[in-house]
Amino acid sequence: MPERLFNHGLPPQRIRTFLVLFALALTLPLIGLAFLAFNQLASLDEEETERRVVQVAQSLVDDIDRELDRATTTLETLATSAALAKDDFAAFHAQASRALMRDKAGILLIDRSMQQLLNTRSAYGTALPRTVDPETAQRVFDTKQWHVSDLVVGFVSGQPLINVEVPILVGEEVRYVLIMALDATRFEQLLQSQRLDPEWITGITDIKGTILARSKRHADFVGKPLPPELFEQSRAAKGVFQTTSVAGQGILRATVRSRTAGWLVSATVPVASLEASRRRGHLFAGA
C-alpha cells in the first residue's frame, strides 16, 4: 500500500525531507509576519521620532523667545531710569551693571552717530568705539521700535554675540538706543539644557544664514555660514525633511522660526540611527 501511494516515477522521499518541508511550511509564514511586524514597529518609531524632532525645535523656539523677551523687558525697565533721563551716564552705568549681575551680557548706550556712550563691559570713562552693528541700531532710530540683530562680533568683548536694542525716546524723537549684547555661548547653553540623546544636535541660524549657536562643537561652527542648499531647505520646508548636515552627515531635520528674532531654530537626528533601529528588527526576526 505505501509503495502504491508514492509510485509516481520518483524515488521514495526520505522522512527527513518531508519534515524539513513541513517545518518550512510552518516557519516561513511566521518569519514573513515577523518581518512585517518589525517593519511596522520601525515605521511607528520613525513617525514618533519625526514628531519628537518637531517638538524639540518648537520647545527651543519658545525658550529662545522667552530669553529675548526677558532681555527686552530689562532694557525697557532701564530706559525709564532717572539717571538716564538726566544724562547722568556714570550713574546709569552703575545701575545697568547691577541689572546684569552674572549674566553673559553687556549693556551699551549709543547716540545717533552710532558712538558708544557707555558699555558695562568696560569701566565708565573708557574710550569706546562706534557700535559694531549700526544696521540694527539704524532700524531702531527709524522705526522707534525694538529690534534683534543677527550674529556680530563685539568690538569690546571680541566674542560672537547678538544685540537686543530698544529706543530711548525724548518726546517723539529717538535720542539714544539702549542695547543688551548677549554672548552666543548663552544660547549654546540654552540648547544644551534640553538634555537630549547624544546623537541629537540642535542649532540656531540667524536671518542671514550664519550659525549663531550649536549644541555640539559650538566653537567650531559659530559664525560660519550654513551651506546654501541647507539654508534654503530650512527656510522653505514645513515639518521634517531629510538632508545633509553642515558636518556632511545624513540627518532628519525640523526647523521652526523664532517669532521674536526671525532666526531658524533646528533639531536634527542622524538618519543612520533610524536605519539602525530597522536593521536590529530584521536581525531579531531572522534570529
Protein backbone atom coordinates (compact mmCIF):
# COMPACT_ATOMS: atom_id res chain seq x y z
CA MET A 1 0.00 0.00 0.00
CA PRO A 2 2.67 2.67 0.86
CA GLU A 3 4.50 1.77 -2.34
CA ARG A 4 1.39 2.43 -4.43
CA LEU A 5 0.85 5.79 -2.73
CA PHE A 6 4.32 7.06 -3.71
CA ASN A 7 4.60 5.27 -7.02
CA HIS A 8 4.82 8.28 -9.39
CA GLY A 9 8.04 7.52 -11.19
CA LEU A 10 10.06 9.23 -8.42
CA PRO A 11 12.15 7.56 -5.78
CA PRO A 12 10.60 7.41 -2.35
CA GLN A 13 11.28 10.54 -0.37
CA ARG A 14 13.04 10.27 2.96
CA ILE A 15 11.13 11.14 6.11
CA ARG A 16 13.67 13.88 6.85
CA THR A 17 12.80 15.71 3.60
CA PHE A 18 9.11 15.77 4.50
CA LEU A 19 9.94 17.01 7.97
CA VAL A 20 12.07 19.84 6.55
CA LEU A 21 9.35 20.81 4.09
CA PHE A 22 6.77 20.65 6.84
CA ALA A 23 8.94 22.85 9.08
CA LEU A 24 9.41 25.40 6.28
CA ALA A 25 5.70 25.44 5.64
CA LEU A 26 5.17 26.33 9.27
CA THR A 27 8.03 28.78 9.79
CA LEU A 28 8.15 30.79 6.56
CA PRO A 29 4.77 32.48 7.16
CA LEU A 30 5.84 33.22 10.73
CA ILE A 31 9.13 34.72 9.55
CA GLY A 32 7.26 36.79 6.98
CA LEU A 33 4.86 38.03 9.64
CA ALA A 34 7.79 38.82 11.92
CA PHE A 35 9.48 40.92 9.25
CA LEU A 36 6.21 42.74 8.56
CA ALA A 37 5.68 43.33 12.27
CA PHE A 38 9.17 44.69 12.82
CA ASN A 39 8.89 46.88 9.73
CA GLN A 40 5.66 48.28 11.11
CA LEU A 41 7.28 48.89 14.50
CA ALA A 42 10.23 50.62 12.80
CA SER A 43 7.82 52.82 10.82
CA LEU A 44 5.99 53.76 14.01
CA ASP A 45 9.33 54.51 15.67
CA GLU A 46 10.31 56.77 12.75
CA GLU A 47 6.98 58.60 12.93
CA GLU A 48 7.46 59.12 16.67
CA THR A 49 10.99 60.41 16.05
CA GLU A 50 9.69 62.88 13.47
CA ARG A 51 7.10 64.17 15.94
CA ARG A 52 9.79 64.43 18.61
CA VAL A 53 12.12 66.40 16.30
CA VAL A 54 9.41 68.97 15.65
CA GLN A 55 8.51 69.17 19.35
CA VAL A 56 12.14 69.76 20.34
CA ALA A 57 12.56 72.54 17.76
CA GLN A 58 9.33 74.21 18.90
CA SER A 59 10.29 73.92 22.56
CA LEU A 60 13.65 75.56 21.83
CA VAL A 61 11.97 78.41 19.97
CA ASP A 62 9.78 79.05 23.00
CA ASP A 63 12.83 79.10 25.29
CA ILE A 64 14.78 81.43 22.97
CA ASP A 65 11.87 83.83 22.58
CA ARG A 66 11.42 83.95 26.36
CA GLU A 67 15.14 84.74 26.71
CA LEU A 68 14.87 87.60 24.22
CA ASP A 69 11.65 88.85 25.83
CA ARG A 70 13.40 88.96 29.21
CA ALA A 71 16.24 90.98 27.71
CA THR A 72 13.74 93.40 26.17
CA THR A 73 11.89 93.79 29.47
CA THR A 74 15.16 94.54 31.28
CA LEU A 75 16.08 97.18 28.70
CA GLU A 76 12.64 98.78 28.76
CA THR A 77 12.85 98.99 32.55
CA LEU A 78 16.30 100.59 32.38
CA ALA A 79 15.00 103.01 29.74
CA THR A 80 12.86 104.64 32.46
CA SER A 81 15.92 105.32 34.63
CA ALA A 82 16.02 108.78 36.21
CA ALA A 83 19.80 108.83 35.76
CA LEU A 84 19.41 108.24 32.03
CA ALA A 85 16.74 110.96 31.79
CA LYS A 86 19.27 113.41 33.28
CA ASP A 87 22.10 112.13 31.03
CA ASP A 88 23.96 111.06 34.17
CA PHE A 89 25.82 108.33 32.32
CA ALA A 90 28.12 107.45 35.22
CA ALA A 91 25.16 106.67 37.50
CA PHE A 92 23.36 104.83 34.70
CA HIS A 93 26.47 102.74 34.01
CA ALA A 94 26.46 101.57 37.64
CA GLN A 95 22.71 100.88 37.54
CA ALA A 96 22.96 98.89 34.29
CA SER A 97 25.90 96.87 35.65
CA ARG A 98 23.86 95.87 38.69
CA ALA A 99 20.95 94.82 36.46
CA LEU A 100 23.11 92.26 34.65
CA MET A 101 24.79 90.69 37.68
CA ARG A 102 26.22 87.33 36.49
CA ASP A 103 24.66 87.30 33.02
CA LYS A 104 26.83 86.66 29.96
CA ALA A 105 25.88 90.05 28.58
CA GLY A 106 26.76 93.71 28.40
CA ILE A 107 24.68 96.87 28.16
CA LEU A 108 25.58 99.67 25.76
CA LEU A 109 24.17 103.11 25.06
CA ILE A 110 24.74 104.75 21.67
CA ASP A 111 23.75 108.06 20.12
CA ARG A 112 22.70 108.92 16.56
CA SER A 113 26.31 108.96 15.38
CA MET A 114 26.49 105.27 16.43
CA GLN A 115 29.05 106.20 19.07
CA GLN A 116 29.06 104.15 22.26
CA LEU A 117 28.49 106.43 25.24
CA LEU A 118 28.91 103.64 27.76
CA ASN A 119 29.47 99.90 27.86
CA THR A 120 29.18 97.84 31.03
CA ARG A 121 31.95 95.53 29.78
CA SER A 122 34.34 98.46 30.25
CA ALA A 123 34.90 100.82 33.16
CA TYR A 124 32.99 104.07 32.85
CA GLY A 125 35.08 106.75 31.16
CA THR A 126 36.99 104.29 28.97
CA ALA A 127 37.32 105.45 25.36
CA LEU A 128 34.87 103.39 23.30
CA PRO A 129 34.46 102.70 19.56
CA ARG A 130 31.31 103.09 17.49
CA THR A 131 28.82 100.27 17.60
CA VAL A 132 29.76 97.16 15.65
CA ASP A 133 26.14 96.84 14.48
CA PRO A 134 24.96 100.17 13.00
CA GLU A 135 22.45 98.40 10.75
CA THR A 136 20.19 97.23 13.59
CA ALA A 137 20.61 100.49 15.50
CA GLN A 138 19.54 102.48 12.44
CA ARG A 139 16.36 100.40 12.19
CA VAL A 140 15.59 101.29 15.81
CA PHE A 141 16.18 105.01 15.14
CA ASP A 142 13.99 104.84 12.01
CA THR A 143 11.09 102.74 13.34
CA LYS A 144 11.09 103.72 17.03
CA GLN A 145 10.65 100.00 17.74
CA TRP A 146 12.91 97.43 19.37
CA HIS A 147 14.86 95.00 17.18
CA VAL A 148 17.13 91.96 17.49
CA SER A 149 20.33 91.75 15.46
CA ASP A 150 21.96 88.87 13.63
CA LEU A 151 25.28 87.48 14.84
CA VAL A 152 28.08 90.05 15.19
CA VAL A 153 31.49 90.10 16.89
CA GLY A 154 31.75 92.69 19.66
CA PHE A 155 34.49 95.32 19.47
CA VAL A 156 34.99 95.34 23.23
CA SER A 157 34.39 91.68 24.10
CA GLY A 158 35.79 90.22 20.89
CA GLN A 159 33.16 87.48 21.17
CA PRO A 160 30.30 86.41 18.86
CA LEU A 161 27.10 87.97 20.18
CA ILE A 162 23.67 89.29 19.30
CA ASN A 163 22.16 92.64 20.23
CA VAL A 164 18.70 93.33 21.59
CA GLU A 165 18.08 97.04 21.02
CA VAL A 166 15.35 99.42 22.26
CA PRO A 167 14.79 103.13 21.59
CA ILE A 168 15.19 105.85 24.22
CA LEU A 169 12.58 108.45 23.35
CA VAL A 170 12.65 112.09 24.30
CA GLY A 171 9.28 113.40 23.20
CA GLU A 172 8.76 111.95 19.73
CA GLU A 173 12.46 111.71 18.95
CA VAL A 174 14.72 108.69 19.46
CA ARG A 175 17.71 110.24 21.21
CA TYR A 176 19.60 107.07 22.13
CA VAL A 177 19.47 103.34 21.53
CA LEU A 178 19.93 101.07 24.54
CA ILE A 179 21.47 97.70 23.71
CA MET A 180 21.90 94.41 25.52
CA ALA A 181 24.70 92.38 23.92
CA LEU A 182 24.15 88.68 24.64
CA ASP A 183 27.06 86.27 24.16
CA ALA A 184 26.40 83.46 21.68
CA THR A 185 27.57 80.98 24.34
CA ARG A 186 24.47 81.93 26.32
CA PHE A 187 22.36 80.36 23.56
CA GLU A 188 24.70 77.37 23.33
CA GLN A 189 23.93 76.66 27.00
CA LEU A 190 20.23 77.09 26.34
CA LEU A 191 20.40 74.47 23.57
CA GLN A 192 22.33 72.08 25.80
CA SER A 193 19.78 72.44 28.59
CA GLN A 194 17.38 70.17 26.65
CA ARG A 195 19.48 67.10 27.65
CA LEU A 196 18.67 65.12 24.51
CA ASP A 197 20.13 61.79 23.41
CA PRO A 198 23.82 62.07 22.44
CA GLU A 199 23.20 61.75 18.69
CA TRP A 200 20.76 64.68 18.60
CA ILE A 201 22.03 68.13 17.56
CA THR A 202 20.19 71.43 17.89
CA GLY A 203 21.17 74.78 16.48
CA ILE A 204 20.25 78.39 15.74
CA THR A 205 20.83 80.15 12.42
CA ASP A 206 20.29 83.89 12.05
CA ILE A 207 18.33 85.57 9.25
CA LYS A 208 21.42 85.84 7.05
CA GLY A 209 22.19 82.13 7.31
CA THR A 210 25.02 82.39 9.84
CA ILE A 211 25.27 79.76 12.58
CA LEU A 212 24.58 81.55 15.86
CA ALA A 213 24.75 78.62 18.26
CA ARG A 214 25.04 74.84 18.22
CA SER A 215 24.55 72.23 20.94
CA LYS A 216 27.70 70.34 19.84
CA ARG A 217 31.03 71.74 18.66
CA HIS A 218 29.67 75.24 19.08
CA ALA A 219 33.10 76.88 18.88
CA ASP A 220 33.88 75.10 15.60
CA PHE A 221 30.74 76.29 13.82
CA VAL A 222 29.60 79.60 15.35
CA GLY A 223 29.94 82.44 12.86
CA LYS A 224 30.15 80.11 9.86
CA PRO A 225 27.50 80.19 7.12
CA LEU A 226 25.06 77.34 6.77
CA PRO A 227 25.53 75.61 3.37
CA PRO A 228 23.27 77.46 0.89
CA GLU A 229 21.21 74.39 0.00
CA LEU A 230 20.61 73.50 3.64
CA PHE A 231 19.75 77.13 4.44
CA GLU A 232 17.17 77.29 1.64
CA GLN A 233 15.70 73.93 2.65
CA SER A 234 15.42 75.12 6.26
CA ARG A 235 13.69 78.33 5.22
CA ALA A 236 11.22 76.65 2.86
CA ALA A 237 10.49 73.28 4.46
CA LYS A 238 7.41 72.64 6.55
CA GLY A 239 7.80 69.96 9.17
CA VAL A 240 10.51 67.30 8.97
CA PHE A 241 12.80 66.70 5.99
CA GLN A 242 15.86 64.62 5.17
CA THR A 243 19.03 66.46 4.21
CA THR A 244 22.78 66.65 4.81
CA SER A 245 24.09 68.50 7.87
CA VAL A 246 26.80 71.16 7.92
CA ALA A 247 29.15 68.37 9.04
CA GLY A 248 28.25 66.24 5.99
CA GLN A 249 26.05 63.73 7.84
CA GLY A 250 22.66 62.47 6.64
CA ILE A 251 20.05 63.85 9.03
CA LEU A 252 16.36 64.16 9.73
CA ARG A 253 15.75 67.87 10.44
CA ALA A 254 12.94 70.13 11.62
CA THR A 255 13.23 73.92 11.63
CA VAL A 256 10.97 76.42 13.41
CA ARG A 257 11.23 80.19 13.05
CA SER A 258 11.55 82.43 16.12
CA ARG A 259 8.66 84.90 16.29
CA THR A 260 10.84 87.42 18.13
CA ALA A 261 14.05 87.41 16.09
CA GLY A 262 13.16 85.55 12.90
CA TRP A 263 16.01 83.10 13.49
CA LEU A 264 15.77 79.47 12.36
CA VAL A 265 15.89 77.02 15.26
CA SER A 266 16.56 73.41 14.28
CA ALA A 267 16.59 69.95 15.79
CA THR A 268 18.24 67.06 13.95
CA VAL A 269 18.78 63.34 14.41
CA PRO A 270 21.05 61.17 12.21
CA VAL A 271 19.27 59.07 9.59
CA ALA A 272 21.73 56.28 10.47
CA SER A 273 20.18 55.92 13.92
CA LEU A 274 16.75 55.29 12.38
CA GLU A 275 18.18 52.79 9.90
CA ALA A 276 19.99 51.02 12.73
CA SER A 277 16.68 50.51 14.54
CA ARG A 278 15.15 48.92 11.43
CA ARG A 279 18.21 46.66 10.93
CA ARG A 280 18.01 45.47 14.54
CA GLY A 281 14.40 44.48 13.93
CA HIS A 282 15.31 42.49 10.82
CA LEU A 283 18.15 40.73 12.62
CA PHE A 284 15.87 39.82 15.51
CA ALA A 285 13.22 38.49 13.12
CA GLY A 286 15.85 36.48 11.28
CA ALA A 287 17.21 35.05 14.51
